[in-house]
């Protein structure tokens, strides 16, 4: 039996209402959990990029990409393993000001290259960027200080190798 692994999926689309719902429904129908989802403008004008992370077999990912590409607004979809992409997440931690000058917290921030986003009389907010594991480690280290709030972004990723999406779109324009 084929083993599941983590894939990063890049879906280039037109920006239309309801597309997010239809794409997520494709995963739902196959009982595949989306671990991370980010949508933003892409490097190409009027084209948006969905970056989706999910654990599944390569056979399943190929079927899902086929279903995604059947959506009219989808220009092209690609999948990548973690070895094929450079990826990061961003996280913010809100902590009570009583811990602001705690030397242990200050040392943890220096190690993670995290920085203060805001400080007021009740709380301070730390922001950091890194891999999922980096953020999980900082979360575990800050949790004993009583996190007031915690939030993280979905994965953003760029392929190590050149993607031919720009050339593909140019062909459509010609």
C-alpha atoms as a PDB file:
ATOM      1  CA  UNK A   1       0.000   0.000   0.000  1.00  0.00           C
ATOM      2  CA  UNK A   2       1.282   3.445  -0.948  1.00  0.00           C
ATOM      3  CA  UNK A   3       2.440   5.568   1.960  1.00  0.00           C
ATOM      4  CA  UNK A   4       0.956   8.976   2.783  1.00  0.00           C
ATOM      5  CA  UNK A   5       3.212  12.000   2.711  1.00  0.00           C
ATOM      6  CA  UNK A   6       2.890  15.769   2.991  1.00  0.00           C
ATOM      7  CA  UNK A   7       2.325  17.624  -0.263  1.00  0.00           C
ATOM      8  CA  UNK A   8       2.189  21.336  -1.033  1.00  0.00           C
ATOM      9  CA  UNK A   9      -0.306  22.077  -3.784  1.00  0.00           C
ATOM     10  CA  UNK A  10      -0.129  25.279  -5.850  1.00  0.00           C
ATOM     11  CA  UNK A  11      -3.321  26.176  -7.694  1.00  0.00           C
ATOM     12  CA  UNK A  12      -3.276  29.152 -10.073  1.00  0.00           C
ATOM     13  CA  UNK A  13      -6.747  30.583 -10.641  1.00  0.00           C
ATOM     14  CA  UNK A  14      -8.893  33.448 -11.693  1.00  0.00           C
ATOM     15  CA  UNK A  15     -10.269  35.269  -8.647  1.00  0.00           C
ATOM     16  CA  UNK A  16     -13.926  34.194  -8.583  1.00  0.00           C
ATOM     17  CA  UNK A  17     -16.506  33.888  -5.822  1.00  0.00           C
ATOM     18  CA  UNK A  18     -17.179  30.337  -4.619  1.00  0.00           C
ATOM     19  CA  UNK A  19     -13.981  28.760  -5.923  1.00  0.00           C
ATOM     20  CA  UNK A  20     -12.519  28.267  -2.439  1.00  0.00           C
ATOM     21  CA  UNK A  21     -15.650  26.367  -1.436  1.00  0.00           C
ATOM     22  CA  UNK A  22     -15.514  24.123  -4.501  1.00  0.00           C
ATOM     23  CA  UNK A  23     -11.806  23.368  -4.075  1.00  0.00           C
ATOM     24  CA  UNK A  24     -12.200  22.503  -0.387  1.00  0.00           C
ATOM     25  CA  UNK A  25     -15.205  20.293  -1.254  1.00  0.00           C
ATOM     26  CA  UNK A  26     -12.928  18.176  -3.482  1.00  0.00           C
ATOM     27  CA  UNK A  27     -10.822  17.339  -0.403  1.00  0.00           C
ATOM     28  CA  UNK A  28     -13.934  16.812   1.743  1.00  0.00           C
ATOM     29  CA  UNK A  29     -15.408  14.265  -0.674  1.00  0.00           C
ATOM     30  CA  UNK A  30     -12.206  12.198  -0.412  1.00  0.00           C
ATOM     31  CA  UNK A  31     -12.003  12.596   3.408  1.00  0.00           C
ATOM     32  CA  UNK A  32      -8.648  14.374   3.168  1.00  0.00           C
ATOM     33  CA  UNK A  33      -7.935  17.001   5.784  1.00  0.00           C
ATOM     34  CA  UNK A  34      -6.424  20.285   4.604  1.00  0.00           C
ATOM     35  CA  UNK A  35      -3.632  21.099   7.066  1.00  0.00           C
ATOM     36  CA  UNK A  36      -2.955  24.575   5.728  1.00  0.00           C
ATOM     37  CA  UNK A  37      -4.544  26.881   3.162  1.00  0.00           C
ATOM     38  CA  UNK A  38      -3.341  30.269   1.973  1.00  0.00           C
ATOM     39  CA  UNK A  39      -4.727  32.322  -0.901  1.00  0.00           C
ATOM     40  CA  UNK A  40      -3.065  35.407  -2.342  1.00  0.00           C
ATOM     41  CA  UNK A  41      -2.218  37.307  -5.482  1.00  0.00           C
ATOM     42  CA  UNK A  42       0.450  35.582  -7.535  1.00  0.00           C
ATOM     43  CA  UNK A  43       3.368  36.886  -9.543  1.00  0.00           C
ATOM     44  CA  UNK A  44       1.030  37.135 -12.540  1.00  0.00           C
ATOM     45  CA  UNK A  45      -1.461  39.991 -12.791  1.00  0.00           C
ATOM     46  CA  UNK A  46      -5.108  38.990 -12.211  1.00  0.00           C
ATOM     47  CA  UNK A  47      -4.063  35.450 -11.215  1.00  0.00           C
ATOM     48  CA  UNK A  48      -4.384  34.190  -7.651  1.00  0.00           C
ATOM     49  CA  UNK A  49      -2.563  31.307  -6.026  1.00  0.00           C
ATOM     50  CA  UNK A  50      -3.959  28.816  -3.544  1.00  0.00           C
ATOM     51  CA  UNK A  51      -1.267  27.090  -1.480  1.00  0.00           C
ATOM     52  CA  UNK A  52      -2.696  23.963   0.151  1.00  0.00           C
ATOM     53  CA  UNK A  53      -0.924  21.470   2.406  1.00  0.00           C
ATOM     54  CA  UNK A  54      -2.320  17.972   2.935  1.00  0.00           C
ATOM     55  CA  UNK A  55      -1.147  14.454   3.813  1.00  0.00           C
ATOM     56  CA  UNK A  56      -2.070  11.816   1.244  1.00  0.00           C
ATOM     57  CA  UNK A  57      -0.692   9.315  -1.204  1.00  0.00           C
ATOM     58  CA  UNK A  58       0.760  10.402  -4.542  1.00  0.00           C
ATOM     59  CA  UNK A  59      -2.037   8.503  -6.292  1.00  0.00           C
ATOM     60  CA  UNK A  60      -4.632  10.502  -4.330  1.00  0.00           C
ATOM     61  CA  UNK A  61      -2.933  13.845  -5.030  1.00  0.00           C
ATOM     62  CA  UNK A  62      -2.960  13.164  -8.776  1.00  0.00           C
ATOM     63  CA  UNK A  63      -6.711  12.443  -8.643  1.00  0.00           C
ATOM     64  CA  UNK A  64      -7.359  15.577  -6.607  1.00  0.00           C
ATOM     65  CA  UNK A  65      -5.351  17.751  -9.006  1.00  0.00           C
ATOM     66  CA  UNK A  66      -7.383  16.323 -11.877  1.00  0.00           C
ATOM     67  CA  UNK A  67     -10.596  17.329 -10.088  1.00  0.00           C
ATOM     68  CA  UNK A  68      -9.260  20.779  -9.214  1.00  0.00           C
ATOM     69  CA  UNK A  69      -8.181  21.455 -12.797  1.00  0.00           C
ATOM     70  CA  UNK A  70     -11.729  20.660 -14.001  1.00  0.00           C
ATOM     71  CA  UNK A  71     -12.907  23.859 -12.290  1.00  0.00           C
ATOM     72  CA  UNK A  72     -13.401  26.473 -15.004  1.00  0.00           C
ATOM     73  CA  UNK A  73     -11.529  29.224 -13.120  1.00  0.00           C
ATOM     74  CA  UNK A  74      -8.468  27.045 -12.455  1.00  0.00           C
ATOM     75  CA  UNK A  75      -5.604  27.764 -14.815  1.00  0.00           C
ATOM     76  CA  UNK A  76      -3.215  25.097 -13.564  1.00  0.00           C
ATOM     77  CA  UNK A  77      -2.458  23.048 -10.432  1.00  0.00           C
ATOM     78  CA  UNK A  78       0.856  21.555  -9.315  1.00  0.00           C
ATOM     79  CA  UNK A  79       1.983  19.421  -6.383  1.00  0.00           C
ATOM     80  CA  UNK A  80       5.330  19.326  -4.622  1.00  0.00           C
ATOM     81  CA  UNK A  81       7.036  17.428  -1.840  1.00  0.00           C
ATOM     82  CA  UNK A  82       8.688  19.332   1.024  1.00  0.00           C
ATOM     83  CA  UNK A  83      12.087  18.743  -0.616  1.00  0.00           C
ATOM     84  CA  UNK A  84      10.945  20.635  -3.712  1.00  0.00           C
ATOM     85  CA  UNK A  85       9.804  23.853  -2.005  1.00  0.00           C
ATOM     86  CA  UNK A  86      11.055  26.600   0.268  1.00  0.00           C
ATOM     87  CA  UNK A  87       8.316  27.275   2.786  1.00  0.00           C
ATOM     88  CA  UNK A  88       7.532  29.375   5.831  1.00  0.00           C
ATOM     89  CA  UNK A  89       4.696  30.222   8.196  1.00  0.00           C
ATOM     90  CA  UNK A  90       4.154  33.267  10.369  1.00  0.00           C
ATOM     91  CA  UNK A  91       2.868  33.205  13.951  1.00  0.00           C
ATOM     92  CA  UNK A  92       1.870  35.756  16.570  1.00  0.00           C
ATOM     93  CA  UNK A  93       1.860  35.198  20.340  1.00  0.00           C
ATOM     94  CA  UNK A  94       0.040  37.486  22.801  1.00  0.00           C
ATOM     95  CA  UNK A  95       1.417  37.321  26.372  1.00  0.00           C
ATOM     96  CA  UNK A  96       0.664  39.236  29.567  1.00  0.00           C
ATOM     97  CA  UNK A  97       2.989  42.219  30.165  1.00  0.00           C
ATOM     98  CA  UNK A  98       3.962  40.781  33.571  1.00  0.00           C
ATOM     99  CA  UNK A  99       6.350  38.475  31.631  1.00  0.00           C
ATOM    100  CA  UNK A 100       7.796  41.192  29.375  1.00  0.00           C
ATOM    101  CA  UNK A 101      11.156  41.471  31.129  1.00  0.00           C
ATOM    102  CA  UNK A 102      11.533  37.765  31.894  1.00  0.00           C
ATOM    103  CA  UNK A 103      15.059  36.897  30.787  1.00  0.00           C
ATOM    104  CA  UNK A 104      13.971  33.412  29.633  1.00  0.00           C
ATOM    105  CA  UNK A 105      11.438  34.893  27.209  1.00  0.00           C
ATOM    106  CA  UNK A 106      13.974  37.408  25.903  1.00  0.00           C
ATOM    107  CA  UNK A 107      16.470  34.581  25.252  1.00  0.00           C
ATOM    108  CA  UNK A 108      13.821  32.501  23.451  1.00  0.00           C
ATOM    109  CA  UNK A 109      13.029  35.460  21.199  1.00  0.00           C
ATOM    110  CA  UNK A 110      16.685  35.971  20.300  1.00  0.00           C
ATOM    111  CA  UNK A 111      17.103  32.287  19.446  1.00  0.00           C
ATOM    112  CA  UNK A 112      14.088  32.343  17.124  1.00  0.00           C
ATOM    113  CA  UNK A 113      14.757  35.776  15.602  1.00  0.00           C
ATOM    114  CA  UNK A 114      11.294  36.772  16.807  1.00  0.00           C
ATOM    115  CA  UNK A 115      10.398  40.368  17.491  1.00  0.00           C
ATOM    116  CA  UNK A 116       7.884  42.471  19.390  1.00  0.00           C
ATOM    117  CA  UNK A 117       5.024  43.794  17.291  1.00  0.00           C
ATOM    118  CA  UNK A 118       3.323  45.798  20.037  1.00  0.00           C
ATOM    119  CA  UNK A 119       3.619  46.437  23.758  1.00  0.00           C
ATOM    120  CA  UNK A 120       1.070  48.050  26.064  1.00  0.00           C
ATOM    121  CA  UNK A 121       0.265  47.999  29.766  1.00  0.00           C
ATOM    122  CA  UNK A 122      -1.694  44.697  29.580  1.00  0.00           C
ATOM    123  CA  UNK A 123       0.098  42.574  26.967  1.00  0.00           C
ATOM    124  CA  UNK A 124       2.795  42.318  24.347  1.00  0.00           C
ATOM    125  CA  UNK A 125       2.705  40.576  20.969  1.00  0.00           C
ATOM    126  CA  UNK A 126       5.563  38.577  19.466  1.00  0.00           C
ATOM    127  CA  UNK A 127       5.805  37.754  15.757  1.00  0.00           C
ATOM    128  CA  UNK A 128       8.026  35.141  14.153  1.00  0.00           C
ATOM    129  CA  UNK A 129       8.450  33.422  10.811  1.00  0.00           C
ATOM    130  CA  UNK A 130       9.770  29.917  10.295  1.00  0.00           C
ATOM    131  CA  UNK A 131       8.961  26.322   9.539  1.00  0.00           C
ATOM    132  CA  UNK A 132       6.059  24.539  11.193  1.00  0.00           C
ATOM    133  CA  UNK A 133       8.536  22.883  13.557  1.00  0.00           C
ATOM    134  CA  UNK A 134      10.167  26.244  14.461  1.00  0.00           C
ATOM    135  CA  UNK A 135       6.805  27.748  15.360  1.00  0.00           C
ATOM    136  CA  UNK A 136       5.739  24.644  17.290  1.00  0.00           C
ATOM    137  CA  UNK A 137       8.955  24.809  19.347  1.00  0.00           C
ATOM    138  CA  UNK A 138       8.457  28.479  20.191  1.00  0.00           C
ATOM    139  CA  UNK A 139       4.817  27.783  21.060  1.00  0.00           C
ATOM    140  CA  UNK A 140       5.892  25.018  23.465  1.00  0.00           C
ATOM    141  CA  UNK A 141       8.460  27.353  25.076  1.00  0.00           C
ATOM    142  CA  UNK A 142       6.030  30.268  25.482  1.00  0.00           C
ATOM    143  CA  UNK A 143       2.969  28.262  26.565  1.00  0.00           C
ATOM    144  CA  UNK A 144       4.070  28.081  30.244  1.00  0.00           C
ATOM    145  CA  UNK A 145       3.850  31.906  30.362  1.00  0.00           C
ATOM    146  CA  UNK A 146       0.100  31.796  29.737  1.00  0.00           C
ATOM    147  CA  UNK A 147      -0.535  32.618  26.106  1.00  0.00           C
ATOM    148  CA  UNK A 148      -3.456  35.029  25.894  1.00  0.00           C
ATOM    149  CA  UNK A 149      -3.778  34.400  22.161  1.00  0.00           C
ATOM    150  CA  UNK A 150      -1.945  32.469  19.472  1.00  0.00           C
ATOM    151  CA  UNK A 151      -2.433  32.496  15.709  1.00  0.00           C
ATOM    152  CA  UNK A 152      -0.423  31.162  12.785  1.00  0.00           C
ATOM    153  CA  UNK A 153      -0.692  31.572   9.051  1.00  0.00           C
ATOM    154  CA  UNK A 154      -0.942  28.834   6.518  1.00  0.00           C
ATOM    155  CA  UNK A 155       2.142  27.758   4.632  1.00  0.00           C
ATOM    156  CA  UNK A 156       3.506  29.978   1.936  1.00  0.00           C
ATOM    157  CA  UNK A 157       5.859  28.263  -0.483  1.00  0.00           C
ATOM    158  CA  UNK A 158       8.026  28.854  -3.501  1.00  0.00           C
ATOM    159  CA  UNK A 159       9.415  26.018  -5.593  1.00  0.00           C
ATOM    160  CA  UNK A 160      13.157  25.492  -5.715  1.00  0.00           C
ATOM    161  CA  UNK A 161      12.995  24.776  -9.435  1.00  0.00           C
ATOM    162  CA  UNK A 162      11.485  27.113 -12.011  1.00  0.00           C
ATOM    163  CA  UNK A 163       7.739  26.720 -12.523  1.00  0.00           C
ATOM    164  CA  UNK A 164       6.573  27.245 -16.086  1.00  0.00           C
ATOM    165  CA  UNK A 165       3.309  28.948 -15.094  1.00  0.00           C
ATOM    166  CA  UNK A 166       4.282  32.342 -16.575  1.00  0.00           C
ATOM    167  CA  UNK A 167       5.148  30.754 -19.920  1.00  0.00           C
ATOM    168  CA  UNK A 168       1.944  28.708 -19.816  1.00  0.00           C
ATOM    169  CA  UNK A 169      -0.142  31.833 -19.281  1.00  0.00           C
ATOM    170  CA  UNK A 170       1.711  33.666 -22.049  1.00  0.00           C
ATOM    171  CA  UNK A 171       0.661  30.899 -24.445  1.00  0.00           C
ATOM    172  CA  UNK A 172      -2.987  31.537 -23.500  1.00  0.00           C
ATOM    173  CA  UNK A 173      -2.583  35.281 -24.223  1.00  0.00           C
ATOM    174  CA  UNK A 174      -0.987  34.735 -27.647  1.00  0.00           C
END
